[in-house]
Amino acid sequence: MSFNFQSRTIVTPKWRLLVVILILLIISALVLRVVDLRHRRNLNEAKRFKVETCMKEGVRYTSIFANNQPVYAESTDRGMNTFSYYAKGKNVLQIDLDKTTGQTKGAVVDFYDTQGEPLIRWVDHTGRGEFVDRVVYREGKSHREIWYDGKWVSVEEREGRRGVILQGLFSEVSYDQTNGAWHVKAPSVCPAGITP
């Protein structure tokens, strides 16, 4: 209740208390609305993610999807745990860990162009961060290269044998897991392009 004496407004203590309570209720309602909106947004964010787990031929697979595209996957098989990480639905990093020791046993890193087509794949066979094998993709085709003698060398397949051309001769190669390097066996006596 207000009284007006000579242009002065006097508010009784009850009305003052009611005004303060009303202001606090309005502020509380606004805060609750903001909290509710954030909570709903978090629920919507959570709905974007989906986790799938399955068993197939004795292998357990677990995948996490965001907006129906994979972002993470793992599988367990024959003493090895494989972890895959995705960007824009493409596998960009795969790491293999020994199940018993937890040590890294290998890694694959994939690079893509802006349209999502593969450009190059680096392979680490030992898990020591030594990428000595790669696959290069050009014009819809791929070819393999190995790190040998301080440079990338193209790999060819001949009669089921993998090799490189050195000094015009086909030389079979093998990978030594112990030291993480490619080794060249004695070259064949036939020049490149001629099969024995």
N, C-alpha and C. Protein backbone atom coordinates (compact mmCIF):
# COMPACT_ATOMS: atom_id res chain seq x y z
N MET A 1 0.83 -1.16 0.00
CA MET A 1 0.00 0.00 0.00
C MET A 1 0.88 1.23 0.00
N SER A 2 0.61 2.21 -0.85
CA SER A 2 1.42 3.42 -0.98
C SER A 2 0.63 4.64 -0.56
N PHE A 3 1.34 5.59 0.01
CA PHE A 3 0.73 6.87 0.37
C PHE A 3 1.55 7.95 -0.29
N ASN A 4 0.88 8.94 -0.80
CA ASN A 4 1.56 10.04 -1.47
C ASN A 4 1.43 11.30 -0.63
N PHE A 5 2.51 11.69 0.03
CA PHE A 5 2.55 12.93 0.81
C PHE A 5 3.51 13.87 0.14
N GLN A 6 3.03 14.95 -0.36
CA GLN A 6 3.85 15.99 -0.98
C GLN A 6 4.85 15.39 -1.97
N SER A 7 4.38 14.65 -2.92
CA SER A 7 5.16 14.06 -3.99
C SER A 7 6.16 13.01 -3.50
N ARG A 8 6.00 12.52 -2.36
CA ARG A 8 6.87 11.45 -1.86
C ARG A 8 6.06 10.18 -1.77
N THR A 9 6.67 9.09 -2.24
CA THR A 9 5.99 7.81 -2.17
C THR A 9 6.59 7.02 -1.03
N ILE A 10 5.75 6.54 -0.18
CA ILE A 10 6.21 5.74 0.94
C ILE A 10 5.70 4.32 0.73
N VAL A 11 6.61 3.36 0.78
CA VAL A 11 6.25 1.96 0.60
C VAL A 11 6.34 1.30 1.96
N THR A 12 5.28 0.61 2.32
CA THR A 12 5.28 -0.06 3.60
C THR A 12 6.20 -1.28 3.54
N PRO A 13 6.70 -1.76 4.67
CA PRO A 13 7.62 -2.90 4.68
C PRO A 13 7.05 -4.16 4.04
N LYS A 14 5.75 -4.44 4.14
CA LYS A 14 5.17 -5.62 3.52
C LYS A 14 5.32 -5.58 2.00
N TRP A 15 5.06 -4.42 1.41
CA TRP A 15 5.17 -4.29 -0.04
C TRP A 15 6.63 -4.39 -0.48
N ARG A 16 7.50 -3.85 0.31
CA ARG A 16 8.93 -3.95 -0.02
C ARG A 16 9.36 -5.42 -0.06
N LEU A 17 8.93 -6.16 0.92
CA LEU A 17 9.24 -7.59 0.98
C LEU A 17 8.64 -8.32 -0.21
N LEU A 18 7.40 -7.99 -0.55
CA LEU A 18 6.75 -8.62 -1.70
C LEU A 18 7.47 -8.30 -3.01
N VAL A 19 7.92 -7.07 -3.17
CA VAL A 19 8.66 -6.68 -4.38
C VAL A 19 9.98 -7.45 -4.47
N VAL A 20 10.70 -7.55 -3.35
CA VAL A 20 11.96 -8.31 -3.33
C VAL A 20 11.70 -9.77 -3.67
N ILE A 21 10.66 -10.35 -3.09
CA ILE A 21 10.32 -11.76 -3.37
C ILE A 21 9.97 -11.93 -4.84
N LEU A 22 9.19 -11.00 -5.40
CA LEU A 22 8.81 -11.07 -6.80
C LEU A 22 10.04 -10.98 -7.71
N ILE A 23 10.95 -10.08 -7.41
CA ILE A 23 12.19 -9.96 -8.19
C ILE A 23 13.01 -11.24 -8.10
N LEU A 24 13.12 -11.81 -6.90
CA LEU A 24 13.87 -13.05 -6.72
C LEU A 24 13.20 -14.21 -7.48
N LEU A 25 11.88 -14.24 -7.48
CA LEU A 25 11.18 -15.28 -8.24
C LEU A 25 11.43 -15.15 -9.74
N ILE A 26 11.42 -13.93 -10.23
CA ILE A 26 11.69 -13.71 -11.66
C ILE A 26 13.12 -14.13 -12.00
N ILE A 27 14.08 -13.73 -11.18
CA ILE A 27 15.48 -14.12 -11.40
C ILE A 27 15.61 -15.64 -11.33
N SER A 28 14.99 -16.28 -10.35
CA SER A 28 15.05 -17.74 -10.22
C SER A 28 14.46 -18.42 -11.45
N ALA A 29 13.33 -17.91 -11.94
CA ALA A 29 12.70 -18.49 -13.12
C ALA A 29 13.62 -18.37 -14.33
N LEU A 30 14.29 -17.22 -14.48
CA LEU A 30 15.22 -17.04 -15.60
C LEU A 30 16.41 -17.99 -15.48
N VAL A 31 16.97 -18.12 -14.29
CA VAL A 31 18.10 -19.03 -14.07
C VAL A 31 17.68 -20.47 -14.36
N LEU A 32 16.52 -20.88 -13.88
CA LEU A 32 16.04 -22.23 -14.13
C LEU A 32 15.82 -22.46 -15.63
N ARG A 33 15.35 -21.46 -16.33
CA ARG A 33 15.13 -21.58 -17.77
C ARG A 33 16.47 -21.78 -18.49
N VAL A 34 17.47 -21.00 -18.11
CA VAL A 34 18.80 -21.14 -18.72
C VAL A 34 19.37 -22.52 -18.42
N VAL A 35 19.26 -22.97 -17.17
CA VAL A 35 19.76 -24.30 -16.79
C VAL A 35 19.03 -25.37 -17.58
N ASP A 36 17.71 -25.23 -17.73
CA ASP A 36 16.92 -26.20 -18.48
C ASP A 36 17.35 -26.23 -19.94
N LEU A 37 17.59 -25.07 -20.55
CA LEU A 37 18.03 -25.02 -21.94
C LEU A 37 19.38 -25.69 -22.11
N ARG A 38 20.29 -25.44 -21.18
CA ARG A 38 21.62 -26.09 -21.24
C ARG A 38 21.47 -27.60 -21.09
N HIS A 39 20.62 -28.02 -20.16
CA HIS A 39 20.40 -29.45 -19.94
C HIS A 39 19.84 -30.09 -21.21
N ARG A 40 18.86 -29.45 -21.83
CA ARG A 40 18.29 -29.99 -23.07
C ARG A 40 19.33 -30.05 -24.18
N ARG A 41 20.18 -29.02 -24.26
CA ARG A 41 21.23 -29.01 -25.28
C ARG A 41 22.20 -30.16 -25.03
N ASN A 42 22.56 -30.39 -23.76
CA ASN A 42 23.45 -31.50 -23.43
C ASN A 42 22.80 -32.84 -23.78
N LEU A 43 21.51 -32.97 -23.53
CA LEU A 43 20.82 -34.21 -23.91
C LEU A 43 20.83 -34.39 -25.42
N ASN A 44 20.61 -33.31 -26.16
CA ASN A 44 20.66 -33.40 -27.62
C ASN A 44 22.05 -33.77 -28.09
N GLU A 45 23.09 -33.21 -27.44
CA GLU A 45 24.46 -33.56 -27.78
C GLU A 45 24.70 -35.05 -27.52
N ALA A 46 24.21 -35.53 -26.40
CA ALA A 46 24.40 -36.94 -26.05
C ALA A 46 23.69 -37.85 -27.05
N LYS A 47 22.56 -37.42 -27.58
CA LYS A 47 21.84 -38.22 -28.56
C LYS A 47 22.60 -38.33 -29.88
N ARG A 48 23.50 -37.40 -30.14
CA ARG A 48 24.31 -37.44 -31.36
C ARG A 48 25.26 -38.63 -31.34
N PHE A 49 25.60 -39.13 -30.17
CA PHE A 49 26.57 -40.21 -30.04
C PHE A 49 25.87 -41.55 -29.87
N LYS A 50 26.48 -42.57 -30.44
CA LYS A 50 25.92 -43.92 -30.34
C LYS A 50 27.09 -44.88 -30.17
N VAL A 51 26.94 -45.83 -29.27
CA VAL A 51 27.96 -46.85 -29.02
C VAL A 51 27.39 -48.20 -29.45
N GLU A 52 28.16 -48.93 -30.24
CA GLU A 52 27.75 -50.26 -30.69
C GLU A 52 28.84 -51.26 -30.31
N THR A 53 28.41 -52.40 -29.81
CA THR A 53 29.33 -53.49 -29.48
C THR A 53 28.78 -54.77 -30.07
N CYS A 54 29.66 -55.58 -30.65
CA CYS A 54 29.21 -56.86 -31.21
C CYS A 54 30.37 -57.86 -31.19
N MET A 55 30.02 -59.12 -31.31
CA MET A 55 31.00 -60.21 -31.44
C MET A 55 30.83 -60.81 -32.82
N LYS A 56 31.94 -61.00 -33.51
CA LYS A 56 31.89 -61.60 -34.84
C LYS A 56 33.11 -62.50 -34.99
N GLU A 57 32.86 -63.78 -35.20
CA GLU A 57 33.92 -64.78 -35.37
C GLU A 57 34.96 -64.70 -34.25
N GLY A 58 34.50 -64.55 -33.02
CA GLY A 58 35.39 -64.54 -31.87
C GLY A 58 36.08 -63.22 -31.61
N VAL A 59 35.77 -62.20 -32.40
CA VAL A 59 36.38 -60.88 -32.24
C VAL A 59 35.33 -59.93 -31.69
N ARG A 60 35.70 -59.20 -30.63
CA ARG A 60 34.78 -58.21 -30.05
C ARG A 60 35.07 -56.85 -30.67
N TYR A 61 34.03 -56.21 -31.17
CA TYR A 61 34.14 -54.89 -31.79
C TYR A 61 33.32 -53.89 -30.97
N THR A 62 33.90 -52.73 -30.72
CA THR A 62 33.18 -51.63 -30.07
C THR A 62 33.44 -50.39 -30.91
N SER A 63 32.36 -49.69 -31.27
CA SER A 63 32.48 -48.48 -32.09
C SER A 63 31.67 -47.35 -31.47
N ILE A 64 32.18 -46.14 -31.61
CA ILE A 64 31.46 -44.95 -31.19
C ILE A 64 31.21 -44.11 -32.43
N PHE A 65 29.94 -43.70 -32.58
CA PHE A 65 29.54 -42.89 -33.73
C PHE A 65 29.06 -41.53 -33.24
N ALA A 66 29.32 -40.50 -34.03
CA ALA A 66 28.77 -39.16 -33.79
C ALA A 66 28.14 -38.72 -35.10
N ASN A 67 26.88 -38.36 -35.04
CA ASN A 67 26.14 -37.98 -36.26
C ASN A 67 26.24 -39.07 -37.31
N ASN A 68 26.14 -40.32 -36.88
CA ASN A 68 26.18 -41.50 -37.75
C ASN A 68 27.49 -41.70 -38.48
N GLN A 69 28.57 -41.06 -38.02
CA GLN A 69 29.90 -41.30 -38.58
C GLN A 69 30.80 -41.82 -37.48
N PRO A 70 31.66 -42.79 -37.79
CA PRO A 70 32.53 -43.33 -36.75
C PRO A 70 33.54 -42.29 -36.27
N VAL A 71 33.80 -42.29 -34.97
CA VAL A 71 34.85 -41.44 -34.40
C VAL A 71 35.90 -42.27 -33.68
N TYR A 72 35.52 -43.48 -33.26
CA TYR A 72 36.45 -44.35 -32.52
C TYR A 72 35.97 -45.79 -32.66
N ALA A 73 36.92 -46.70 -32.76
CA ALA A 73 36.59 -48.12 -32.79
C ALA A 73 37.72 -48.90 -32.16
N GLU A 74 37.35 -50.02 -31.55
CA GLU A 74 38.37 -50.91 -31.02
C GLU A 74 37.92 -52.35 -31.24
N SER A 75 38.91 -53.21 -31.39
CA SER A 75 38.61 -54.64 -31.53
C SER A 75 39.67 -55.42 -30.76
N THR A 76 39.29 -56.60 -30.32
CA THR A 76 40.19 -57.47 -29.58
C THR A 76 40.22 -58.82 -30.30
N ASP A 77 41.42 -59.24 -30.70
CA ASP A 77 41.55 -60.48 -31.43
C ASP A 77 42.94 -61.07 -31.23
N ARG A 78 43.00 -62.36 -30.96
CA ARG A 78 44.27 -63.11 -30.88
C ARG A 78 45.38 -62.36 -30.15
N GLY A 79 45.09 -61.88 -28.97
CA GLY A 79 46.13 -61.25 -28.16
C GLY A 79 46.47 -59.83 -28.58
N MET A 80 45.68 -59.23 -29.48
CA MET A 80 45.96 -57.88 -29.96
C MET A 80 44.73 -57.00 -29.79
N ASN A 81 44.94 -55.80 -29.28
CA ASN A 81 43.89 -54.79 -29.22
C ASN A 81 44.18 -53.77 -30.32
N THR A 82 43.19 -53.48 -31.14
CA THR A 82 43.34 -52.51 -32.20
C THR A 82 42.43 -51.33 -31.91
N PHE A 83 42.99 -50.12 -31.93
CA PHE A 83 42.25 -48.89 -31.68
C PHE A 83 42.31 -48.04 -32.94
N SER A 84 41.16 -47.59 -33.40
CA SER A 84 41.08 -46.76 -34.60
C SER A 84 40.42 -45.43 -34.27
N TYR A 85 41.00 -44.35 -34.79
CA TYR A 85 40.48 -43.01 -34.57
C TYR A 85 40.09 -42.42 -35.93
N TYR A 86 38.94 -41.75 -35.96
CA TYR A 86 38.38 -41.27 -37.21
C TYR A 86 38.22 -39.76 -37.20
N ALA A 87 38.33 -39.17 -38.39
CA ALA A 87 38.04 -37.75 -38.59
C ALA A 87 37.16 -37.66 -39.83
N LYS A 88 36.04 -36.99 -39.71
CA LYS A 88 35.07 -36.86 -40.80
C LYS A 88 34.70 -38.23 -41.38
N GLY A 89 34.58 -39.23 -40.50
CA GLY A 89 34.17 -40.56 -40.93
C GLY A 89 35.26 -41.40 -41.56
N LYS A 90 36.48 -40.90 -41.62
CA LYS A 90 37.60 -41.62 -42.24
C LYS A 90 38.58 -42.06 -41.16
N ASN A 91 39.05 -43.30 -41.28
CA ASN A 91 40.04 -43.82 -40.34
C ASN A 91 41.37 -43.11 -40.59
N VAL A 92 41.84 -42.36 -39.60
CA VAL A 92 43.08 -41.60 -39.77
C VAL A 92 44.24 -42.18 -38.96
N LEU A 93 43.92 -42.95 -37.92
CA LEU A 93 44.98 -43.52 -37.09
C LEU A 93 44.52 -44.85 -36.53
N GLN A 94 45.35 -45.86 -36.73
CA GLN A 94 45.07 -47.18 -36.16
C GLN A 94 46.31 -47.61 -35.39
N ILE A 95 46.10 -48.05 -34.15
CA ILE A 95 47.20 -48.48 -33.29
C ILE A 95 46.91 -49.89 -32.81
N ASP A 96 47.91 -50.77 -32.91
CA ASP A 96 47.80 -52.14 -32.43
C ASP A 96 48.62 -52.28 -31.15
N LEU A 97 47.98 -52.79 -30.09
CA LEU A 97 48.66 -53.01 -28.81
C LEU A 97 48.63 -54.48 -28.47
N ASP A 98 49.75 -54.98 -27.93
CA ASP A 98 49.79 -56.33 -27.42
C ASP A 98 48.90 -56.40 -26.19
N LYS A 99 48.01 -57.37 -26.18
CA LYS A 99 47.00 -57.46 -25.11
C LYS A 99 47.63 -57.73 -23.74
N THR A 100 48.70 -58.51 -23.71
CA THR A 100 49.28 -58.88 -22.42
C THR A 100 50.27 -57.84 -21.90
N THR A 101 51.09 -57.26 -22.79
CA THR A 101 52.12 -56.31 -22.34
C THR A 101 51.68 -54.86 -22.44
N GLY A 102 50.69 -54.58 -23.29
CA GLY A 102 50.25 -53.21 -23.49
C GLY A 102 51.18 -52.41 -24.39
N GLN A 103 52.20 -53.06 -24.97
CA GLN A 103 53.14 -52.37 -25.84
C GLN A 103 52.56 -52.19 -27.23
N THR A 104 52.92 -51.07 -27.84
CA THR A 104 52.49 -50.80 -29.21
C THR A 104 53.20 -51.75 -30.16
N LYS A 105 52.42 -52.41 -31.02
CA LYS A 105 52.98 -53.37 -31.97
C LYS A 105 52.95 -52.87 -33.40
N GLY A 106 52.29 -51.75 -33.63
CA GLY A 106 52.23 -51.21 -34.98
C GLY A 106 51.26 -50.05 -35.04
N ALA A 107 51.37 -49.29 -36.14
CA ALA A 107 50.47 -48.16 -36.33
C ALA A 107 50.32 -47.88 -37.81
N VAL A 108 49.15 -47.36 -38.17
CA VAL A 108 48.87 -46.96 -39.55
C VAL A 108 48.26 -45.56 -39.48
N VAL A 109 48.81 -44.63 -40.28
CA VAL A 109 48.30 -43.27 -40.35
C VAL A 109 47.87 -43.01 -41.79
N ASP A 110 46.60 -42.59 -41.96
CA ASP A 110 46.07 -42.31 -43.29
C ASP A 110 45.82 -40.82 -43.46
N PHE A 111 46.17 -40.31 -44.64
CA PHE A 111 45.95 -38.91 -44.98
C PHE A 111 44.98 -38.85 -46.17
N TYR A 112 44.10 -37.85 -46.16
CA TYR A 112 43.08 -37.70 -47.19
C TYR A 112 43.12 -36.29 -47.77
N ASP A 113 42.64 -36.16 -49.02
CA ASP A 113 42.54 -34.82 -49.60
C ASP A 113 41.25 -34.16 -49.13
N THR A 114 40.99 -32.96 -49.60
CA THR A 114 39.84 -32.20 -49.12
C THR A 114 38.50 -32.83 -49.53
N GLN A 115 38.51 -33.69 -50.56
CA GLN A 115 37.29 -34.38 -50.96
C GLN A 115 37.11 -35.71 -50.24
N GLY A 116 38.06 -36.06 -49.36
CA GLY A 116 37.97 -37.30 -48.61
C GLY A 116 38.59 -38.51 -49.30
N GLU A 117 39.28 -38.29 -50.41
CA GLU A 117 39.94 -39.39 -51.11
C GLU A 117 41.31 -39.64 -50.48
N PRO A 118 41.74 -40.92 -50.41
CA PRO A 118 43.04 -41.21 -49.78
C PRO A 118 44.20 -40.64 -50.59
N LEU A 119 45.18 -40.09 -49.86
CA LEU A 119 46.40 -39.57 -50.48
C LEU A 119 47.59 -40.49 -50.22
N ILE A 120 47.77 -40.82 -48.94
CA ILE A 120 48.94 -41.62 -48.56
C ILE A 120 48.66 -42.34 -47.25
N ARG A 121 49.25 -43.49 -47.08
CA ARG A 121 49.16 -44.27 -45.84
C ARG A 121 50.58 -44.58 -45.38
N TRP A 122 50.87 -44.24 -44.13
CA TRP A 122 52.15 -44.57 -43.52
C TRP A 122 51.96 -45.76 -42.61
N VAL A 123 52.91 -46.69 -42.64
CA VAL A 123 52.80 -47.91 -41.84
C VAL A 123 54.04 -48.06 -40.97
N ASP A 124 53.79 -48.26 -39.69
CA ASP A 124 54.85 -48.56 -38.70
C ASP A 124 54.62 -50.00 -38.27
N HIS A 125 55.51 -50.90 -38.67
CA HIS A 125 55.34 -52.33 -38.38
C HIS A 125 55.72 -52.72 -36.95
N THR A 126 56.51 -51.89 -36.28
CA THR A 126 57.04 -52.27 -34.97
C THR A 126 56.38 -51.54 -33.80
N GLY A 127 55.72 -50.42 -34.06
CA GLY A 127 55.15 -49.63 -32.98
C GLY A 127 56.15 -48.71 -32.33
N ARG A 128 57.30 -48.53 -32.96
CA ARG A 128 58.34 -47.65 -32.40
C ARG A 128 58.34 -46.27 -33.05
N GLY A 129 57.33 -46.00 -33.88
CA GLY A 129 57.28 -44.70 -34.55
C GLY A 129 58.17 -44.62 -35.76
N GLU A 130 58.57 -45.76 -36.30
CA GLU A 130 59.43 -45.81 -37.48
C GLU A 130 58.58 -46.20 -38.68
N PHE A 131 58.19 -45.22 -39.47
CA PHE A 131 57.35 -45.46 -40.63
C PHE A 131 58.25 -45.78 -41.83
N VAL A 132 58.37 -47.07 -42.13
CA VAL A 132 59.29 -47.52 -43.19
C VAL A 132 58.53 -48.12 -44.37
N ASP A 133 57.23 -47.94 -44.38
CA ASP A 133 56.39 -48.51 -45.42
C ASP A 133 55.28 -47.49 -45.68
N ARG A 134 54.93 -47.27 -46.95
CA ARG A 134 53.83 -46.36 -47.24
C ARG A 134 53.13 -46.79 -48.53
N VAL A 135 51.88 -46.38 -48.63
CA VAL A 135 51.09 -46.60 -49.84
C VAL A 135 50.70 -45.22 -50.34
N VAL A 136 51.01 -44.95 -51.61
CA VAL A 136 50.71 -43.66 -52.22
C VAL A 136 49.55 -43.88 -53.20
N TYR A 137 48.53 -43.01 -53.12
CA TYR A 137 47.36 -43.10 -53.98
C TYR A 137 47.38 -41.96 -54.99
N ARG A 138 47.30 -42.32 -56.28
CA ARG A 138 47.25 -41.31 -57.35
C ARG A 138 46.31 -41.79 -58.42
N GLU A 139 45.41 -40.90 -58.84
CA GLU A 139 44.49 -41.17 -59.95
C GLU A 139 43.77 -42.50 -59.80
N GLY A 140 43.29 -42.77 -58.59
CA GLY A 140 42.52 -43.97 -58.34
C GLY A 140 43.34 -45.25 -58.22
N LYS A 141 44.64 -45.15 -58.30
CA LYS A 141 45.52 -46.32 -58.18
C LYS A 141 46.43 -46.13 -56.97
N SER A 142 46.94 -47.24 -56.48
CA SER A 142 47.85 -47.17 -55.34
C SER A 142 49.13 -47.93 -55.68
N HIS A 143 50.21 -47.47 -55.10
CA HIS A 143 51.45 -48.23 -55.20
C HIS A 143 52.20 -48.14 -53.87
N ARG A 144 52.92 -49.19 -53.58
CA ARG A 144 53.61 -49.32 -52.30
C ARG A 144 55.06 -48.89 -52.45
N GLU A 145 55.56 -48.25 -51.39
CA GLU A 145 56.96 -47.85 -51.34
C GLU A 145 57.52 -48.22 -49.97
N ILE A 146 58.81 -48.52 -49.94
CA ILE A 146 59.48 -48.81 -48.67
C ILE A 146 60.66 -47.85 -48.49
N TRP A 147 61.00 -47.60 -47.24
CA TRP A 147 62.16 -46.77 -46.92
C TRP A 147 63.38 -47.67 -46.94
N TYR A 148 64.25 -47.44 -47.91
CA TYR A 148 65.44 -48.27 -48.04
C TYR A 148 66.60 -47.39 -48.47
N ASP A 149 67.71 -47.52 -47.80
CA ASP A 149 68.93 -46.80 -48.13
C ASP A 149 68.72 -45.28 -48.18
N GLY A 150 67.92 -44.77 -47.22
CA GLY A 150 67.74 -43.33 -47.09
C GLY A 150 66.77 -42.69 -48.06
N LYS A 151 65.94 -43.51 -48.76
CA LYS A 151 64.97 -42.94 -49.69
C LYS A 151 63.79 -43.89 -49.86
N TRP A 152 62.68 -43.37 -50.40
CA TRP A 152 61.51 -44.19 -50.70
C TRP A 152 61.74 -44.89 -52.04
N VAL A 153 61.53 -46.20 -52.05
CA VAL A 153 61.73 -47.03 -53.25
C VAL A 153 60.43 -47.76 -53.55
N SER A 154 60.01 -47.75 -54.84
CA SER A 154 58.78 -48.43 -55.24
C SER A 154 58.94 -49.94 -55.14
N VAL A 155 57.86 -50.60 -54.69
CA VAL A 155 57.85 -52.06 -54.54
C VAL A 155 57.06 -52.66 -55.70
N GLU A 156 57.56 -53.75 -56.22
CA GLU A 156 56.89 -54.49 -57.29
C GLU A 156 56.61 -55.91 -56.82
N GLU A 157 55.58 -56.51 -57.39
CA GLU A 157 55.26 -57.92 -57.12
C GLU A 157 55.57 -58.71 -58.38
N ARG A 158 56.37 -59.76 -58.25
CA ARG A 158 56.69 -60.64 -59.38
C ARG A 158 56.61 -62.08 -58.92
N GLU A 159 55.72 -62.82 -59.56
CA GLU A 159 55.55 -64.24 -59.25
C GLU A 159 55.41 -64.48 -57.75
N GLY A 160 54.62 -63.65 -57.12
CA GLY A 160 54.37 -63.79 -55.69
C GLY A 160 55.49 -63.31 -54.80
N ARG A 161 56.51 -62.72 -55.38
CA ARG A 161 57.63 -62.18 -54.59
C ARG A 161 57.57 -60.66 -54.61
N ARG A 162 57.88 -60.08 -53.48
CA ARG A 162 57.90 -58.62 -53.34
C ARG A 162 59.34 -58.16 -53.47
N GLY A 163 59.55 -57.13 -54.31
CA GLY A 163 60.91 -56.66 -54.49
C GLY A 163 60.98 -55.24 -55.01
N VAL A 164 62.22 -54.78 -55.16
CA VAL A 164 62.49 -53.43 -55.67
C VAL A 164 63.49 -53.55 -56.82
N ILE A 165 63.55 -52.50 -57.62
CA ILE A 165 64.51 -52.45 -58.71
C ILE A 165 65.71 -51.63 -58.23
N LEU A 166 66.86 -52.29 -58.16
CA LEU A 166 68.10 -51.63 -57.78
C LEU A 166 69.13 -51.88 -58.87
N GLN A 167 69.70 -50.82 -59.39
CA GLN A 167 70.68 -50.89 -60.47
C GLN A 167 70.16 -51.74 -61.64
N GLY A 168 68.87 -51.55 -61.95
CA GLY A 168 68.26 -52.24 -63.08
C GLY A 168 67.88 -53.69 -62.82
N LEU A 169 68.12 -54.22 -61.63
CA LEU A 169 67.81 -55.61 -61.33
C LEU A 169 66.72 -55.71 -60.26
N PHE A 170 65.85 -56.71 -60.40
CA PHE A 170 64.81 -56.97 -59.42
C PHE A 170 65.44 -57.65 -58.21
N SER A 171 65.24 -57.06 -57.04
CA SER A 171 65.80 -57.61 -55.81
C SER A 171 64.66 -57.84 -54.82
N GLU A 172 64.53 -59.06 -54.35
CA GLU A 172 63.48 -59.38 -53.38
C GLU A 172 63.79 -58.71 -52.05
N VAL A 173 62.73 -58.26 -51.34
CA VAL A 173 62.90 -57.60 -50.05
C VAL A 173 62.14 -58.36 -48.98
N SER A 174 62.63 -58.21 -47.75
CA SER A 174 61.93 -58.77 -46.59
C SER A 174 62.06 -57.78 -45.45
N TYR A 175 61.07 -57.81 -44.57
CA TYR A 175 61.07 -56.89 -43.45
C TYR A 175 61.58 -57.59 -42.22
N ASP A 176 62.54 -56.98 -41.53
CA ASP A 176 63.09 -57.53 -40.29
C ASP A 176 62.41 -56.83 -39.11
N GLN A 177 61.52 -57.56 -38.45
CA GLN A 177 60.75 -57.02 -37.33
C GLN A 177 61.65 -56.61 -36.16
N THR A 178 62.77 -57.29 -36.00
CA THR A 178 63.66 -57.02 -34.87
C THR A 178 64.25 -55.62 -34.93
N ASN A 179 64.80 -55.25 -36.08
CA ASN A 179 65.42 -53.92 -36.16
C ASN A 179 64.56 -52.91 -36.92
N GLY A 180 63.38 -53.32 -37.38
CA GLY A 180 62.45 -52.40 -38.03
C GLY A 180 62.94 -51.84 -39.34
N ALA A 181 63.57 -52.68 -40.14
CA ALA A 181 64.10 -52.20 -41.42
C ALA A 181 63.87 -53.23 -42.52
N TRP A 182 63.84 -52.73 -43.75
CA TRP A 182 63.73 -53.60 -44.92
C TRP A 182 65.12 -54.07 -45.33
N HIS A 183 65.20 -55.35 -45.74
CA HIS A 183 66.47 -55.92 -46.22
C HIS A 183 66.28 -56.42 -47.63
N VAL A 184 67.31 -56.24 -48.42
CA VAL A 184 67.27 -56.68 -49.81
C VAL A 184 68.07 -57.97 -49.94
N LYS A 185 67.42 -58.97 -50.55
CA LYS A 185 68.12 -60.22 -50.82
C LYS A 185 68.95 -60.02 -52.08
N ALA A 186 69.78 -60.97 -52.39
CA ALA A 186 70.63 -60.87 -53.58
C ALA A 186 69.76 -60.65 -54.82
N PRO A 187 70.14 -59.71 -55.69
CA PRO A 187 69.33 -59.42 -56.87
C PRO A 187 69.33 -60.58 -57.86
N SER A 188 68.23 -60.64 -58.63
CA SER A 188 68.19 -61.65 -59.68
C SER A 188 69.13 -61.21 -60.79
N VAL A 189 69.49 -62.13 -61.65
CA VAL A 189 70.44 -61.81 -62.70
C VAL A 189 69.78 -61.22 -63.92
N CYS A 190 68.45 -61.22 -63.97
CA CYS A 190 67.73 -60.67 -65.12
C CYS A 190 67.47 -59.18 -64.92
N PRO A 191 67.62 -58.39 -65.96
CA PRO A 191 67.31 -56.97 -65.85
C PRO A 191 65.84 -56.75 -65.54
N ALA A 192 65.52 -55.56 -65.04
CA ALA A 192 64.14 -55.22 -64.70
C ALA A 192 63.25 -55.36 -65.93
N GLY A 193 62.05 -55.85 -65.73
CA GLY A 193 61.11 -56.01 -66.82
C GLY A 193 61.18 -57.38 -67.48
N ILE A 194 62.23 -58.14 -67.20
CA ILE A 194 62.38 -59.48 -67.75
C ILE A 194 62.26 -60.46 -66.60
N THR A 195 61.30 -61.36 -66.68
CA THR A 195 61.11 -62.33 -65.60
C THR A 195 61.89 -63.58 -65.92
N PRO A 196 62.56 -64.15 -64.91
CA PRO A 196 63.36 -65.36 -65.15
C PRO A 196 62.48 -66.57 -65.41
